[in-house]
N, C-alpha and C. Protein backbone atom coordinates (compact mmCIF):
# COMPACT_ATOMS: atom_id res chain seq x y z
N UNK A 1 -2.85 10.09 -0.93
CA UNK A 1 -2.08 9.21 0.07
C UNK A 1 -1.52 7.97 -0.68
N UNK A 2 -0.87 7.07 -0.13
CA UNK A 2 -0.33 6.14 -0.87
C UNK A 2 0.57 5.17 -0.27
N UNK A 3 0.05 3.99 -0.93
CA UNK A 3 0.41 2.92 -0.32
C UNK A 3 1.61 1.86 -0.71
N UNK A 4 2.52 1.55 0.56
CA UNK A 4 3.55 0.83 -0.14
C UNK A 4 3.59 0.24 -1.86
N UNK A 5 2.49 -0.11 -1.92
CA UNK A 5 2.13 -1.19 -3.21
C UNK A 5 2.06 -0.27 -4.43
N UNK A 6 1.69 1.23 -4.21
CA UNK A 6 1.32 2.20 -4.98
C UNK A 6 0.17 2.26 -5.67
N UNK A 7 -0.60 1.70 -4.29
CA UNK A 7 -2.23 2.66 -4.45
C UNK A 7 -2.61 3.57 -3.64
N UNK A 8 -3.77 4.24 -4.40
CA UNK A 8 -3.98 5.89 -4.21
C UNK A 8 -4.98 6.02 -3.50
N UNK A 9 -5.36 6.90 -2.85
CA UNK A 9 -6.51 7.41 -2.37
C UNK A 9 -6.63 8.72 -2.63
N UNK A 10 -7.69 9.72 -2.89
CA UNK A 10 -7.74 11.07 -3.21
C UNK A 10 -9.21 11.42 -3.61
N UNK A 11 -9.14 12.66 -3.96
CA UNK A 11 -10.62 13.10 -4.44
C UNK A 11 -10.41 13.67 -5.77
N UNK A 12 -11.50 14.02 -6.11
CA UNK A 12 -11.93 15.26 -7.34
C UNK A 12 -13.14 15.34 -7.15
N UNK A 13 -13.05 16.61 -8.26
CA UNK A 13 -14.55 17.64 -8.11
C UNK A 13 -15.06 17.62 -9.28
N UNK A 14 -16.19 17.56 -9.62
CA UNK A 14 -17.06 17.63 -11.04
C UNK A 14 -17.26 19.03 -11.05
N UNK A 15 -16.88 19.24 -11.80
CA UNK A 15 -16.87 21.13 -12.47
C UNK A 15 -18.40 21.51 -12.88
N UNK A 16 -19.16 20.50 -13.19
CA UNK A 16 -20.21 20.79 -13.44
C UNK A 16 -21.11 21.17 -12.63
N UNK A 17 -20.98 20.17 -11.27
CA UNK A 17 -22.16 19.62 -10.12
C UNK A 17 -21.17 20.19 -9.15
N UNK A 18 -20.30 20.38 -9.11
CA UNK A 18 -19.43 20.51 -7.73
C UNK A 18 -19.71 19.73 -6.64
N UNK A 19 -19.73 18.67 -7.26
CA UNK A 19 -19.53 17.36 -6.44
C UNK A 19 -18.00 16.83 -6.22
N UNK A 20 -18.21 16.49 -4.93
CA UNK A 20 -16.73 16.01 -4.32
C UNK A 20 -16.76 14.46 -3.76
N UNK A 21 -16.08 13.84 -4.17
CA UNK A 21 -16.31 12.33 -4.31
C UNK A 21 -14.35 11.60 -4.37
N UNK A 22 -14.34 10.74 -3.37
CA UNK A 22 -12.97 10.14 -3.29
C UNK A 22 -12.92 8.97 -4.23
N UNK A 23 -11.43 8.30 -4.48
CA UNK A 23 -11.46 7.53 -4.93
C UNK A 23 -10.08 6.89 -4.62
N UNK A 24 -10.00 5.57 -4.80
CA UNK A 24 -9.04 4.63 -4.90
C UNK A 24 -8.85 3.82 -5.68
N UNK A 25 -7.13 3.95 -6.40
CA UNK A 25 -6.52 3.31 -7.77
C UNK A 25 -5.07 2.99 -7.77
N UNK A 26 -4.68 2.14 -8.34
CA UNK A 26 -3.41 1.80 -8.59
C UNK A 26 -2.64 2.24 -9.51
N UNK A 27 -1.26 2.56 -9.58
CA UNK A 27 -0.69 3.28 -10.50
C UNK A 27 -0.05 2.34 -11.12
N UNK A 28 0.38 2.68 -12.09
CA UNK A 28 1.14 1.32 -12.86
C UNK A 28 2.32 1.44 -13.15
N UNK A 29 3.29 1.90 -12.14
CA UNK A 29 4.34 2.06 -12.14
C UNK A 29 5.17 3.11 -12.52
N UNK A 30 4.62 3.66 -13.79
CA UNK A 30 5.39 4.93 -14.51
C UNK A 30 5.69 5.93 -13.86
N UNK A 31 6.63 6.49 -14.52
CA UNK A 31 6.60 7.72 -13.40
C UNK A 31 5.66 8.92 -13.41
N UNK A 32 5.23 9.36 -14.49
CA UNK A 32 4.18 10.56 -14.34
C UNK A 32 3.08 9.30 -15.18
N UNK A 33 1.97 9.40 -14.89
CA UNK A 33 0.50 8.91 -15.14
C UNK A 33 -0.86 10.08 -15.01
N UNK A 34 -1.71 9.32 -16.24
CA UNK A 34 -2.95 10.01 -16.04
C UNK A 34 -3.97 8.75 -15.64
N UNK A 35 -4.86 9.33 -14.67
CA UNK A 35 -5.62 8.04 -14.24
C UNK A 35 -6.96 8.46 -14.51
N UNK A 36 -8.03 7.53 -14.86
CA UNK A 36 -9.01 7.70 -14.98
C UNK A 36 -10.33 6.77 -14.00
N UNK A 37 -11.00 7.36 -13.31
CA UNK A 37 -12.03 6.44 -12.54
C UNK A 37 -13.10 6.49 -12.84
N UNK A 38 -13.87 5.51 -13.00
CA UNK A 38 -15.43 5.59 -13.35
C UNK A 38 -16.11 5.56 -12.48
N UNK A 39 -17.57 6.86 -12.90
CA UNK A 39 -17.80 7.42 -12.07
C UNK A 39 -18.75 6.44 -10.95
N UNK A 40 -18.76 5.00 -11.69
CA UNK A 40 -19.40 4.36 -10.48
C UNK A 40 -18.39 3.79 -9.54
N UNK A 41 -17.13 3.63 -9.73
CA UNK A 41 -16.24 3.39 -9.03
C UNK A 41 -16.05 4.47 -8.02
N UNK A 42 -16.58 5.66 -7.70
CA UNK A 42 -16.10 6.61 -7.15
C UNK A 42 -16.85 6.77 -5.24
N UNK A 43 -15.86 7.03 -4.20
CA UNK A 43 -16.37 6.77 -3.16
C UNK A 43 -17.28 8.00 -2.38
N UNK A 44 -18.39 7.50 -2.37
CA UNK A 44 -19.28 8.33 -1.93
C UNK A 44 -20.35 8.05 -0.60
N UNK A 45 -20.26 8.72 0.51
CA UNK A 45 -21.30 8.45 1.40
C UNK A 45 -22.88 8.64 1.12
N UNK A 46 -23.66 8.20 1.17
CA UNK A 46 -25.21 8.18 0.92
C UNK A 46 -26.22 9.31 0.32
N UNK A 47 -25.83 10.17 1.43
CA UNK A 47 -26.30 11.63 1.47
C UNK A 47 -25.37 12.79 0.66
N UNK A 48 -24.28 12.75 1.48
CA UNK A 48 -23.50 13.94 1.11
C UNK A 48 -22.88 14.03 -0.61
N UNK A 49 -22.73 15.32 -0.91
CA UNK A 49 -22.05 15.81 -1.97
C UNK A 49 -20.57 15.94 -2.04
N UNK A 50 -20.23 15.94 -0.63
CA UNK A 50 -18.59 16.21 -0.48
C UNK A 50 -17.63 14.99 0.20
N UNK A 51 -17.41 14.21 -0.34
CA UNK A 51 -16.33 12.81 0.41
C UNK A 51 -15.45 13.13 -0.24
N UNK A 52 -14.38 13.36 0.97
CA UNK A 52 -12.97 13.28 0.60
C UNK A 52 -12.29 11.87 1.42
N UNK A 53 -11.29 11.24 -0.01
CA UNK A 53 -10.74 10.20 0.89
C UNK A 53 -9.28 10.93 1.17
N UNK A 54 -9.03 10.55 2.42
CA UNK A 54 -7.69 11.31 3.01
C UNK A 54 -6.40 10.39 3.15
N UNK A 55 -6.39 9.31 3.20
CA UNK A 55 -5.28 8.15 3.50
C UNK A 55 -5.71 7.12 2.98
N UNK A 56 -4.90 6.18 3.09
CA UNK A 56 -5.18 5.01 2.99
C UNK A 56 -3.78 3.98 3.44
N UNK A 57 -4.41 2.75 4.00
CA UNK A 57 -3.49 1.70 4.48
C UNK A 57 -2.99 0.67 3.96
N UNK A 58 -1.92 0.12 4.42
CA UNK A 58 -1.62 -0.84 3.09
C UNK A 58 -2.20 -1.93 3.15
N UNK A 59 -3.48 -2.41 4.32
CA UNK A 59 -4.48 -3.23 4.17
C UNK A 59 -5.92 -2.64 2.94
N UNK A 60 -5.56 -1.27 3.14
CA UNK A 60 -6.72 -0.85 1.79
C UNK A 60 -7.95 -0.18 2.53
N UNK A 61 -7.94 -0.29 3.61
CA UNK A 61 -8.78 0.94 4.71
C UNK A 61 -8.16 2.63 4.10
N UNK A 62 -9.64 3.19 3.93
CA UNK A 62 -9.63 4.03 3.72
C UNK A 62 -9.90 4.96 4.51
N UNK A 63 -9.45 6.12 4.85
CA UNK A 63 -9.58 7.20 6.15
C UNK A 63 -10.20 8.67 5.62
N UNK A 64 -11.11 9.29 5.70
CA UNK A 64 -11.55 10.81 5.08
C UNK A 64 -12.48 11.12 6.04
N UNK A 65 -13.11 12.27 5.42
CA UNK A 65 -13.99 13.35 5.54
C UNK A 65 -15.39 13.15 4.84
N UNK A 66 -16.50 13.89 5.44
CA UNK A 66 -17.53 14.09 4.77
C UNK A 66 -17.72 15.49 4.91
N UNK A 67 -17.28 16.57 4.17
CA UNK A 67 -17.54 17.94 4.64
C UNK A 67 -18.80 18.77 4.85
N UNK A 68 -20.14 18.35 4.45
CA UNK A 68 -21.01 18.23 4.25
C UNK A 68 -21.55 18.74 6.13
N UNK A 69 -21.35 17.51 6.46
CA UNK A 69 -21.60 17.32 7.87
C UNK A 69 -20.91 17.42 9.08
N UNK A 70 -19.42 17.67 8.13
CA UNK A 70 -18.16 17.69 9.04
C UNK A 70 -17.89 16.51 9.66
N UNK A 71 -18.05 15.18 9.58
CA UNK A 71 -17.51 14.02 9.97
C UNK A 71 -16.84 13.31 9.31
N UNK A 72 -15.98 12.17 9.95
CA UNK A 72 -14.76 11.38 9.45
C UNK A 72 -15.91 9.91 8.97
N UNK A 73 -14.73 9.33 8.03
CA UNK A 73 -15.83 7.77 8.08
C UNK A 73 -13.82 6.66 7.77
N UNK A 74 -14.18 5.63 8.08
CA UNK A 74 -13.09 4.65 7.85
C UNK A 74 -13.83 3.90 6.82
N UNK A 75 -13.32 3.36 5.68
CA UNK A 75 -14.16 2.43 4.40
C UNK A 75 -13.14 1.17 4.82
N UNK A 76 -13.51 0.16 4.50
CA UNK A 76 -12.92 -0.83 4.69
C UNK A 76 -13.04 -2.44 3.07
N UNK A 77 -12.03 -2.52 2.38
CA UNK A 77 -12.47 -3.10 1.32
C UNK A 77 -12.99 -4.13 1.55
N UNK A 78 -14.34 -4.99 0.35
CA UNK A 78 -15.01 -6.29 0.60
C UNK A 78 -13.86 -7.03 0.25
């Protein structure tokens, strides 16, 4: 998902471990862009390995799912 200001939320899969984690980042305004998210900044609930960020509001709140336990979450920025 993407906000009006270009902040995006999504998820990545680690090809080595199979873990899925969410991310939030801001695009730089170019048409095509490669992004790199430090592992320490990936979204992950404490226990599961399949955390998927599915949407983001203009306020920065992220909504998503934890697929191992089939539950949803809302993350609010600090």
